[in-house]
Amino acid sequence: MKKVKKKDLKQISDYLMAGAVMAILLAGVGYIGFDIWLASTQWLLVALVLALFGVYFKLS
């Protein structure tokens, strides 16, 4: 099994944080009245999970 390098974890963290920002933007769009695939509160939960994993990978 191949070990993941620290540099790769930092890059994965950046992608996860960008995904969290996108999920927050989709929650805002859903709040306006145009639900895109999920409801606004579900997008916020997705953003929370992505941000938590992003912070975890940044610290590891």
C-alpha atoms as a PDB file:
ATOM      1  CA  MET A   1       0.000   0.000   0.000  1.00  0.00           C
ATOM      2  CA  LYS A   2       1.346   3.413  -0.980  1.00  0.00           C
ATOM      3  CA  LYS A   3       1.766   6.043   1.742  1.00  0.00           C
ATOM      4  CA  VAL A   4       0.281   9.483   1.119  1.00  0.00           C
ATOM      5  CA  LYS A   5       2.782  12.343   1.242  1.00  0.00           C
ATOM      6  CA  LYS A   6       2.314  15.470   3.382  1.00  0.00           C
ATOM      7  CA  LYS A   7       2.247  17.651   0.262  1.00  0.00           C
ATOM      8  CA  ASP A   8      -0.618  15.589  -1.152  1.00  0.00           C
ATOM      9  CA  LEU A   9      -2.574  15.903   2.094  1.00  0.00           C
ATOM     10  CA  LYS A  10      -2.239  19.685   1.970  1.00  0.00           C
ATOM     11  CA  GLN A  11      -3.531  19.724  -1.607  1.00  0.00           C
ATOM     12  CA  ILE A  12      -6.447  17.449  -0.705  1.00  0.00           C
ATOM     13  CA  SER A  13      -7.223  19.793   2.192  1.00  0.00           C
ATOM     14  CA  ASP A  14      -7.358  22.758  -0.170  1.00  0.00           C
ATOM     15  CA  TYR A  15      -9.760  20.918  -2.482  1.00  0.00           C
ATOM     16  CA  LEU A  16     -12.003  19.954   0.436  1.00  0.00           C
ATOM     17  CA  MET A  17     -12.122  23.537   1.686  1.00  0.00           C
ATOM     18  CA  ALA A  18     -12.972  24.771  -1.815  1.00  0.00           C
ATOM     19  CA  GLY A  19     -15.758  22.188  -1.924  1.00  0.00           C
ATOM     20  CA  ALA A  20     -17.039  23.496   1.419  1.00  0.00           C
ATOM     21  CA  VAL A  21     -17.174  27.028   0.032  1.00  0.00           C
ATOM     22  CA  MET A  22     -19.057  25.779  -3.036  1.00  0.00           C
ATOM     23  CA  ALA A  23     -21.539  23.957  -0.792  1.00  0.00           C
ATOM     24  CA  ILE A  24     -22.116  27.166   1.179  1.00  0.00           C
ATOM     25  CA  LEU A  25     -22.767  29.034  -2.063  1.00  0.00           C
ATOM     26  CA  LEU A  26     -25.262  26.355  -3.123  1.00  0.00           C
ATOM     27  CA  ALA A  27     -26.960  26.682   0.273  1.00  0.00           C
ATOM     28  CA  GLY A  28     -27.288  30.413  -0.359  1.00  0.00           C
ATOM     29  CA  VAL A  29     -28.832  29.782  -3.764  1.00  0.00           C
ATOM     30  CA  GLY A  30     -31.236  27.314  -2.149  1.00  0.00           C
ATOM     31  CA  TYR A  31     -32.174  29.904   0.456  1.00  0.00           C
ATOM     32  CA  ILE A  32     -33.193  32.278  -2.323  1.00  0.00           C
ATOM     33  CA  GLY A  33     -35.631  29.647  -3.542  1.00  0.00           C
ATOM     34  CA  PHE A  34     -33.871  27.501  -6.138  1.00  0.00           C
ATOM     35  CA  ASP A  35     -33.005  24.180  -4.510  1.00  0.00           C
ATOM     36  CA  ILE A  36     -30.256  22.470  -6.456  1.00  0.00           C
ATOM     37  CA  TRP A  37     -30.418  18.721  -5.800  1.00  0.00           C
ATOM     38  CA  LEU A  38     -30.368  19.189  -1.994  1.00  0.00           C
ATOM     39  CA  ALA A  39     -32.088  21.549   0.413  1.00  0.00           C
ATOM     40  CA  SER A  40     -30.157  24.474   1.915  1.00  0.00           C
ATOM     41  CA  THR A  41     -29.686  22.836   5.304  1.00  0.00           C
ATOM     42  CA  GLN A  42     -28.343  19.698   3.646  1.00  0.00           C
ATOM     43  CA  TRP A  43     -25.804  21.772   1.723  1.00  0.00           C
ATOM     44  CA  LEU A  44     -24.696  23.320   5.004  1.00  0.00           C
ATOM     45  CA  LEU A  45     -24.182  19.833   6.458  1.00  0.00           C
ATOM     46  CA  VAL A  46     -22.124  18.865   3.407  1.00  0.00           C
ATOM     47  CA  ALA A  47     -20.051  22.028   3.859  1.00  0.00           C
ATOM     48  CA  LEU A  48     -19.483  21.198   7.521  1.00  0.00           C
ATOM     49  CA  VAL A  49     -18.279  17.669   6.770  1.00  0.00           C
ATOM     50  CA  LEU A  50     -15.987  18.847   3.965  1.00  0.00           C
ATOM     51  CA  ALA A  51     -14.523  21.578   6.168  1.00  0.00           C
ATOM     52  CA  LEU A  52     -13.920  19.163   9.040  1.00  0.00           C
ATOM     53  CA  PHE A  53     -12.084  16.731   6.786  1.00  0.00           C
ATOM     54  CA  GLY A  54     -10.164  19.636   5.263  1.00  0.00           C
ATOM     55  CA  VAL A  55      -8.950  20.751   8.673  1.00  0.00           C
ATOM     56  CA  TYR A  56      -8.138  17.161   9.638  1.00  0.00           C
ATOM     57  CA  PHE A  57      -5.982  16.646   6.552  1.00  0.00           C
ATOM     58  CA  LYS A  58      -4.291  20.023   7.046  1.00  0.00           C
ATOM     59  CA  LEU A  59      -3.314  19.092  10.607  1.00  0.00           C
ATOM     60  CA  SER A  60      -2.187  15.537   9.841  1.00  0.00           C
END
